[in-house]
Amino acid sequence: MPTIDEQPYTLVVPTRWKDNDVYGHVNNVEYYSFFDTVINTYLIREGGLDIHHGPVIGLCVESHCRYDAPLAFPEPVTAGLAVTKLGRSSVRYAVTLFGADGAPAAEGWFVHVFVDRETRRPAGAPDGLRAALERLLVTPAA
């Protein structure tokens, strides 16, 4: 399992009181929100993705999460992000969530297809966005 130091990009995401469920840990659905947060933060900040007016948007077409250890409010989550496959209009991310102790809590993948905002047909990622994604490209572990 990857470590924090092996992540090409990380983002600390605070947990919220409402994230905990009745069992006292962050509910499984919130992990996907952490995935979305690290991915879209990177795309906006580093890739220049204009989520409001840009001609291209990213749509999630597949995602997966394996849960390894519980997270709980108020501990922060460090989300690690890498790109394991980059096509003309699609990208597959590897996302690893780490607890406050630095140990992996979950790992998974998320696939975006970049589409034309109006037609929703696949479109190539704009140059700046593609360059940002290339900076995260790693060879997946066998």
N, C-alpha and C. Protein backbone atom coordinates (compact mmCIF):
# COMPACT_ATOMS: atom_id res chain seq x y z
N MET A 1 0.85 -1.18 0.00
CA MET A 1 0.00 0.00 0.00
C MET A 1 0.89 1.24 0.00
N PRO A 2 0.53 2.25 -0.78
CA PRO A 2 1.37 3.46 -0.87
C PRO A 2 1.41 4.25 0.44
N THR A 3 2.50 5.00 0.60
CA THR A 3 2.64 5.86 1.77
C THR A 3 2.36 7.31 1.36
N ILE A 4 2.23 8.17 2.35
CA ILE A 4 2.00 9.60 2.07
C ILE A 4 3.16 10.16 1.24
N ASP A 5 4.38 9.78 1.58
CA ASP A 5 5.55 10.30 0.87
C ASP A 5 5.61 9.89 -0.59
N GLU A 6 4.91 8.84 -0.96
CA GLU A 6 4.89 8.37 -2.35
C GLU A 6 3.82 9.05 -3.20
N GLN A 7 3.05 9.93 -2.61
CA GLN A 7 1.96 10.58 -3.33
C GLN A 7 2.47 11.79 -4.10
N PRO A 8 2.17 11.89 -5.41
CA PRO A 8 2.60 13.06 -6.16
C PRO A 8 1.89 14.35 -5.72
N TYR A 9 0.70 14.20 -5.14
CA TYR A 9 -0.06 15.37 -4.68
C TYR A 9 -0.84 14.95 -3.44
N THR A 10 -0.86 15.82 -2.44
CA THR A 10 -1.67 15.56 -1.25
C THR A 10 -2.47 16.80 -0.88
N LEU A 11 -3.57 16.55 -0.23
CA LEU A 11 -4.43 17.62 0.26
C LEU A 11 -4.99 17.19 1.60
N VAL A 12 -4.88 18.05 2.61
CA VAL A 12 -5.48 17.76 3.90
C VAL A 12 -6.93 18.23 3.86
N VAL A 13 -7.83 17.31 4.17
CA VAL A 13 -9.27 17.58 4.14
C VAL A 13 -9.81 17.40 5.56
N PRO A 14 -10.43 18.44 6.12
CA PRO A 14 -10.98 18.27 7.46
C PRO A 14 -12.22 17.38 7.43
N THR A 15 -12.37 16.57 8.46
CA THR A 15 -13.64 15.87 8.62
C THR A 15 -14.61 16.82 9.30
N ARG A 16 -15.88 16.53 9.14
CA ARG A 16 -16.92 17.36 9.75
C ARG A 16 -17.72 16.52 10.73
N TRP A 17 -18.36 17.16 11.67
CA TRP A 17 -19.17 16.48 12.67
C TRP A 17 -20.18 15.56 11.99
N LYS A 18 -20.80 16.04 10.92
CA LYS A 18 -21.85 15.26 10.24
C LYS A 18 -21.30 14.04 9.50
N ASP A 19 -19.97 13.97 9.31
CA ASP A 19 -19.39 12.83 8.59
C ASP A 19 -19.47 11.53 9.39
N ASN A 20 -19.46 11.65 10.72
CA ASN A 20 -19.54 10.46 11.57
C ASN A 20 -20.93 9.85 11.52
N ASP A 21 -20.98 8.53 11.59
CA ASP A 21 -22.27 7.87 11.66
C ASP A 21 -22.53 7.42 13.09
N VAL A 22 -23.60 6.69 13.32
CA VAL A 22 -23.97 6.28 14.68
C VAL A 22 -22.96 5.31 15.29
N TYR A 23 -22.07 4.76 14.47
CA TYR A 23 -21.06 3.84 15.00
C TYR A 23 -19.79 4.56 15.42
N GLY A 24 -19.77 5.90 15.27
CA GLY A 24 -18.66 6.69 15.76
C GLY A 24 -17.49 6.84 14.81
N HIS A 25 -17.70 6.49 13.54
CA HIS A 25 -16.63 6.69 12.55
C HIS A 25 -17.22 7.33 11.30
N VAL A 26 -16.34 7.83 10.43
CA VAL A 26 -16.79 8.46 9.20
C VAL A 26 -17.53 7.42 8.36
N ASN A 27 -18.72 7.77 7.91
CA ASN A 27 -19.53 6.87 7.11
C ASN A 27 -18.88 6.63 5.76
N ASN A 28 -19.06 5.44 5.23
CA ASN A 28 -18.39 5.05 3.99
C ASN A 28 -18.68 5.98 2.81
N VAL A 29 -19.86 6.57 2.72
CA VAL A 29 -20.17 7.43 1.57
C VAL A 29 -19.31 8.69 1.57
N GLU A 30 -18.83 9.12 2.71
CA GLU A 30 -18.01 10.33 2.79
C GLU A 30 -16.64 10.14 2.16
N TYR A 31 -16.16 8.91 2.10
CA TYR A 31 -14.85 8.65 1.50
C TYR A 31 -14.85 9.09 0.03
N TYR A 32 -15.97 8.86 -0.65
CA TYR A 32 -16.07 9.29 -2.05
C TYR A 32 -16.07 10.81 -2.16
N SER A 33 -16.60 11.47 -1.17
CA SER A 33 -16.54 12.93 -1.14
C SER A 33 -15.09 13.40 -1.00
N PHE A 34 -14.31 12.70 -0.20
CA PHE A 34 -12.88 13.04 -0.07
C PHE A 34 -12.17 12.82 -1.41
N PHE A 35 -12.53 11.75 -2.13
CA PHE A 35 -11.95 11.50 -3.46
C PHE A 35 -12.26 12.68 -4.37
N ASP A 36 -13.54 13.05 -4.44
CA ASP A 36 -13.97 14.17 -5.29
C ASP A 36 -13.25 15.46 -4.91
N THR A 37 -13.08 15.69 -3.63
CA THR A 37 -12.45 16.92 -3.15
C THR A 37 -11.00 17.03 -3.58
N VAL A 38 -10.21 15.97 -3.40
CA VAL A 38 -8.80 16.05 -3.78
C VAL A 38 -8.65 16.16 -5.29
N ILE A 39 -9.45 15.42 -6.03
CA ILE A 39 -9.35 15.45 -7.49
C ILE A 39 -9.71 16.84 -8.02
N ASN A 40 -10.86 17.34 -7.64
CA ASN A 40 -11.32 18.61 -8.20
C ASN A 40 -10.52 19.80 -7.69
N THR A 41 -10.02 19.73 -6.47
CA THR A 41 -9.12 20.79 -5.99
C THR A 41 -7.88 20.85 -6.87
N TYR A 42 -7.32 19.68 -7.17
CA TYR A 42 -6.14 19.64 -8.03
C TYR A 42 -6.45 20.18 -9.43
N LEU A 43 -7.55 19.71 -10.02
CA LEU A 43 -7.89 20.13 -11.38
C LEU A 43 -8.11 21.63 -11.48
N ILE A 44 -8.73 22.21 -10.47
CA ILE A 44 -9.00 23.65 -10.47
C ILE A 44 -7.72 24.44 -10.20
N ARG A 45 -7.01 24.09 -9.12
CA ARG A 45 -5.82 24.86 -8.73
C ARG A 45 -4.63 24.67 -9.66
N GLU A 46 -4.38 23.43 -10.05
CA GLU A 46 -3.16 23.13 -10.81
C GLU A 46 -3.40 23.01 -12.31
N GLY A 47 -4.62 22.64 -12.71
CA GLY A 47 -4.91 22.42 -14.12
C GLY A 47 -5.72 23.51 -14.78
N GLY A 48 -6.19 24.47 -13.97
CA GLY A 48 -6.96 25.58 -14.52
C GLY A 48 -8.36 25.21 -14.98
N LEU A 49 -8.91 24.11 -14.46
CA LEU A 49 -10.27 23.71 -14.85
C LEU A 49 -11.26 24.78 -14.39
N ASP A 50 -12.03 25.29 -15.33
CA ASP A 50 -13.06 26.28 -15.04
C ASP A 50 -14.38 25.53 -14.91
N ILE A 51 -14.78 25.24 -13.68
CA ILE A 51 -15.96 24.41 -13.46
C ILE A 51 -17.26 25.13 -13.79
N HIS A 52 -17.23 26.46 -13.87
CA HIS A 52 -18.45 27.22 -14.13
C HIS A 52 -18.66 27.57 -15.59
N HIS A 53 -17.57 27.87 -16.31
CA HIS A 53 -17.74 28.38 -17.67
C HIS A 53 -16.85 27.70 -18.71
N GLY A 54 -15.98 26.81 -18.31
CA GLY A 54 -15.06 26.18 -19.26
C GLY A 54 -15.79 25.31 -20.27
N PRO A 55 -15.20 25.10 -21.42
CA PRO A 55 -15.85 24.30 -22.46
C PRO A 55 -15.84 22.80 -22.17
N VAL A 56 -14.96 22.36 -21.26
CA VAL A 56 -14.82 20.94 -20.95
C VAL A 56 -15.08 20.72 -19.46
N ILE A 57 -15.80 19.64 -19.15
CA ILE A 57 -16.03 19.25 -17.76
C ILE A 57 -15.66 17.78 -17.60
N GLY A 58 -15.40 17.35 -16.38
CA GLY A 58 -15.08 15.95 -16.11
C GLY A 58 -16.27 15.25 -15.48
N LEU A 59 -16.65 14.11 -16.04
CA LEU A 59 -17.73 13.30 -15.48
C LEU A 59 -17.16 12.00 -14.93
N CYS A 60 -17.59 11.64 -13.74
CA CYS A 60 -17.16 10.37 -13.16
C CYS A 60 -17.92 9.24 -13.85
N VAL A 61 -17.16 8.25 -14.35
CA VAL A 61 -17.79 7.10 -15.00
C VAL A 61 -17.53 5.80 -14.24
N GLU A 62 -16.62 5.83 -13.27
CA GLU A 62 -16.33 4.64 -12.48
C GLU A 62 -15.57 5.06 -11.23
N SER A 63 -15.87 4.40 -10.13
CA SER A 63 -15.11 4.63 -8.90
C SER A 63 -15.15 3.39 -8.03
N HIS A 64 -14.18 3.29 -7.16
CA HIS A 64 -14.06 2.13 -6.28
C HIS A 64 -13.31 2.57 -5.03
N CYS A 65 -13.67 1.98 -3.90
CA CYS A 65 -12.97 2.27 -2.65
C CYS A 65 -12.86 1.00 -1.81
N ARG A 66 -11.65 0.77 -1.29
CA ARG A 66 -11.44 -0.31 -0.32
C ARG A 66 -11.12 0.35 1.02
N TYR A 67 -11.82 -0.06 2.04
CA TYR A 67 -11.69 0.53 3.37
C TYR A 67 -10.73 -0.31 4.20
N ASP A 68 -9.69 0.35 4.73
CA ASP A 68 -8.67 -0.37 5.48
C ASP A 68 -8.69 -0.08 6.97
N ALA A 69 -9.09 1.12 7.34
CA ALA A 69 -9.11 1.51 8.76
C ALA A 69 -10.12 2.65 8.92
N PRO A 70 -10.74 2.75 10.09
CA PRO A 70 -11.73 3.80 10.28
C PRO A 70 -11.11 5.19 10.42
N LEU A 71 -11.86 6.18 10.01
CA LEU A 71 -11.55 7.59 10.23
C LEU A 71 -12.65 8.13 11.12
N ALA A 72 -12.37 9.19 11.88
CA ALA A 72 -13.41 9.75 12.74
C ALA A 72 -13.18 11.24 12.93
N PHE A 73 -14.28 11.98 13.01
CA PHE A 73 -14.22 13.39 13.36
C PHE A 73 -13.65 13.48 14.75
N PRO A 74 -12.75 14.41 15.05
CA PRO A 74 -12.33 15.56 14.27
C PRO A 74 -10.98 15.38 13.56
N GLU A 75 -10.54 14.15 13.36
CA GLU A 75 -9.22 13.98 12.73
C GLU A 75 -9.25 14.42 11.27
N PRO A 76 -8.18 15.08 10.81
CA PRO A 76 -8.09 15.44 9.39
C PRO A 76 -7.74 14.20 8.57
N VAL A 77 -8.07 14.26 7.31
CA VAL A 77 -7.73 13.21 6.36
C VAL A 77 -6.73 13.79 5.36
N THR A 78 -5.66 13.07 5.10
CA THR A 78 -4.75 13.49 4.04
C THR A 78 -5.08 12.61 2.83
N ALA A 79 -5.48 13.27 1.75
CA ALA A 79 -5.84 12.56 0.53
C ALA A 79 -4.67 12.63 -0.44
N GLY A 80 -4.18 11.47 -0.85
CA GLY A 80 -3.10 11.40 -1.82
C GLY A 80 -3.67 11.11 -3.20
N LEU A 81 -3.08 11.75 -4.22
CA LEU A 81 -3.60 11.64 -5.57
C LEU A 81 -2.48 11.34 -6.56
N ALA A 82 -2.74 10.38 -7.44
CA ALA A 82 -1.84 10.05 -8.54
C ALA A 82 -2.69 9.74 -9.76
N VAL A 83 -2.09 9.79 -10.92
CA VAL A 83 -2.74 9.39 -12.17
C VAL A 83 -2.07 8.11 -12.63
N THR A 84 -2.88 7.07 -12.86
CA THR A 84 -2.32 5.79 -13.30
C THR A 84 -2.57 5.50 -14.77
N LYS A 85 -3.49 6.23 -15.38
CA LYS A 85 -3.73 6.06 -16.82
C LYS A 85 -4.28 7.37 -17.36
N LEU A 86 -3.70 7.83 -18.45
CA LEU A 86 -4.13 9.08 -19.06
C LEU A 86 -4.36 8.86 -20.55
N GLY A 87 -5.61 8.95 -20.95
CA GLY A 87 -5.96 8.82 -22.36
C GLY A 87 -6.23 10.19 -22.96
N ARG A 88 -6.79 10.21 -24.15
CA ARG A 88 -7.10 11.48 -24.81
C ARG A 88 -8.19 12.24 -24.06
N SER A 89 -9.25 11.53 -23.65
CA SER A 89 -10.36 12.20 -22.98
C SER A 89 -10.67 11.59 -21.62
N SER A 90 -9.90 10.63 -21.18
CA SER A 90 -10.17 10.01 -19.89
C SER A 90 -8.91 9.94 -19.03
N VAL A 91 -9.14 9.84 -17.74
CA VAL A 91 -8.04 9.73 -16.78
C VAL A 91 -8.49 8.82 -15.64
N ARG A 92 -7.58 7.98 -15.21
CA ARG A 92 -7.84 7.13 -14.04
C ARG A 92 -6.90 7.58 -12.93
N TYR A 93 -7.49 7.96 -11.82
CA TYR A 93 -6.75 8.42 -10.65
C TYR A 93 -6.64 7.28 -9.64
N ALA A 94 -5.55 7.26 -8.91
CA ALA A 94 -5.42 6.44 -7.71
C ALA A 94 -5.52 7.41 -6.54
N VAL A 95 -6.40 7.10 -5.61
CA VAL A 95 -6.59 7.96 -4.44
C VAL A 95 -6.36 7.12 -3.19
N THR A 96 -5.55 7.64 -2.28
CA THR A 96 -5.32 6.98 -1.00
C THR A 96 -5.64 7.98 0.09
N LEU A 97 -6.42 7.54 1.08
CA LEU A 97 -6.76 8.39 2.22
C LEU A 97 -5.97 7.92 3.43
N PHE A 98 -5.36 8.88 4.12
CA PHE A 98 -4.54 8.60 5.29
C PHE A 98 -5.16 9.27 6.51
N GLY A 99 -5.15 8.56 7.64
CA GLY A 99 -5.62 9.13 8.89
C GLY A 99 -4.58 10.06 9.49
N ALA A 100 -4.92 10.64 10.63
CA ALA A 100 -4.03 11.59 11.30
C ALA A 100 -2.70 10.95 11.70
N ASP A 101 -2.69 9.63 11.88
CA ASP A 101 -1.45 8.93 12.24
C ASP A 101 -0.57 8.62 11.03
N GLY A 102 -1.04 8.98 9.82
CA GLY A 102 -0.28 8.73 8.61
C GLY A 102 -0.49 7.35 8.01
N ALA A 103 -1.27 6.52 8.67
CA ALA A 103 -1.54 5.17 8.16
C ALA A 103 -2.65 5.22 7.12
N PRO A 104 -2.56 4.38 6.09
CA PRO A 104 -3.62 4.34 5.08
C PRO A 104 -4.94 3.91 5.70
N ALA A 105 -6.00 4.63 5.34
CA ALA A 105 -7.33 4.29 5.82
C ALA A 105 -8.20 3.74 4.69
N ALA A 106 -7.91 4.14 3.46
CA ALA A 106 -8.68 3.67 2.32
C ALA A 106 -7.89 3.94 1.05
N GLU A 107 -8.16 3.14 0.05
CA GLU A 107 -7.57 3.40 -1.26
C GLU A 107 -8.55 2.98 -2.34
N GLY A 108 -8.43 3.67 -3.45
CA GLY A 108 -9.36 3.35 -4.53
C GLY A 108 -8.96 4.03 -5.81
N TRP A 109 -9.90 4.01 -6.75
CA TRP A 109 -9.68 4.68 -8.02
C TRP A 109 -10.93 5.43 -8.41
N PHE A 110 -10.72 6.32 -9.36
CA PHE A 110 -11.78 7.21 -9.84
C PHE A 110 -11.47 7.51 -11.29
N VAL A 111 -12.43 7.34 -12.18
CA VAL A 111 -12.21 7.59 -13.60
C VAL A 111 -13.07 8.76 -14.05
N HIS A 112 -12.41 9.75 -14.63
CA HIS A 112 -13.08 10.89 -15.25
C HIS A 112 -13.03 10.73 -16.75
N VAL A 113 -14.12 11.10 -17.42
CA VAL A 113 -14.10 11.31 -18.86
C VAL A 113 -14.38 12.79 -19.06
N PHE A 114 -13.49 13.45 -19.79
CA PHE A 114 -13.68 14.87 -20.08
C PHE A 114 -14.58 14.99 -21.29
N VAL A 115 -15.64 15.78 -21.13
CA VAL A 115 -16.65 15.94 -22.17
C VAL A 115 -16.89 17.41 -22.45
N ASP A 116 -17.41 17.67 -23.64
CA ASP A 116 -17.86 19.01 -24.00
C ASP A 116 -19.02 19.39 -23.08
N ARG A 117 -18.96 20.58 -22.49
CA ARG A 117 -19.99 21.01 -21.55
C ARG A 117 -21.39 20.95 -22.15
N GLU A 118 -21.53 21.34 -23.42
CA GLU A 118 -22.85 21.42 -24.05
C GLU A 118 -23.33 20.09 -24.60
N THR A 119 -22.49 19.39 -25.33
CA THR A 119 -22.92 18.17 -26.02
C THR A 119 -22.78 16.92 -25.16
N ARG A 120 -21.95 16.99 -24.13
CA ARG A 120 -21.63 15.85 -23.26
C ARG A 120 -20.95 14.72 -24.04
N ARG A 121 -20.33 15.04 -25.15
CA ARG A 121 -19.56 14.09 -25.93
C ARG A 121 -18.09 14.17 -25.48
N PRO A 122 -17.36 13.04 -25.51
CA PRO A 122 -15.96 13.07 -25.09
C PRO A 122 -15.17 14.15 -25.82
N ALA A 123 -14.32 14.82 -25.05
CA ALA A 123 -13.48 15.90 -25.58
C ALA A 123 -12.09 15.76 -24.96
N GLY A 124 -11.09 16.09 -25.70
CA GLY A 124 -9.74 16.04 -25.15
C GLY A 124 -9.58 17.06 -24.03
N ALA A 125 -8.76 16.71 -23.06
CA ALA A 125 -8.48 17.65 -21.97
C ALA A 125 -7.71 18.84 -22.53
N PRO A 126 -8.06 20.07 -22.12
CA PRO A 126 -7.30 21.25 -22.56
C PRO A 126 -5.82 21.10 -22.17
N ASP A 127 -4.94 21.77 -22.90
CA ASP A 127 -3.49 21.63 -22.73
C ASP A 127 -3.03 21.82 -21.29
N GLY A 128 -3.50 22.88 -20.61
CA GLY A 128 -3.06 23.14 -19.24
C GLY A 128 -3.50 22.04 -18.29
N LEU A 129 -4.70 21.55 -18.48
CA LEU A 129 -5.22 20.46 -17.65
C LEU A 129 -4.44 19.18 -17.91
N ARG A 130 -4.19 18.90 -19.17
CA ARG A 130 -3.43 17.70 -19.53
C ARG A 130 -2.03 17.74 -18.94
N ALA A 131 -1.38 18.89 -19.00
CA ALA A 131 -0.04 19.03 -18.44
C ALA A 131 -0.06 18.77 -16.93
N ALA A 132 -1.08 19.27 -16.25
CA ALA A 132 -1.20 19.05 -14.80
C ALA A 132 -1.39 17.56 -14.50
N LEU A 133 -2.18 16.88 -15.29
CA LEU A 133 -2.41 15.45 -15.09
C LEU A 133 -1.14 14.65 -15.37
N GLU A 134 -0.38 15.05 -16.37
CA GLU A 134 0.87 14.37 -16.67
C GLU A 134 1.86 14.45 -15.51
N ARG A 135 1.81 15.53 -14.75
CA ARG A 135 2.72 15.69 -13.59
C ARG A 135 2.42 14.66 -12.50
N LEU A 136 1.21 14.11 -12.50
CA LEU A 136 0.83 13.12 -11.48
C LEU A 136 0.95 11.68 -11.97
N LEU A 137 1.35 11.51 -13.22
CA LEU A 137 1.37 10.18 -13.83
C LEU A 137 2.43 9.29 -13.18
N VAL A 138 1.99 8.12 -12.72
CA VAL A 138 2.87 7.13 -12.12
C VAL A 138 2.59 5.79 -12.78
N THR A 139 3.51 4.87 -12.61
CA THR A 139 3.29 3.50 -13.06
C THR A 139 2.62 2.75 -11.92
N PRO A 140 1.42 2.19 -12.16
CA PRO A 140 0.75 1.48 -11.07
C PRO A 140 1.53 0.25 -10.63
N ALA A 141 1.42 -0.07 -9.35
CA ALA A 141 2.07 -1.25 -8.81
C ALA A 141 1.45 -2.50 -9.40
N ALA A 142 2.26 -3.50 -9.62
CA ALA A 142 1.76 -4.75 -10.22
C ALA A 142 1.04 -5.60 -9.21
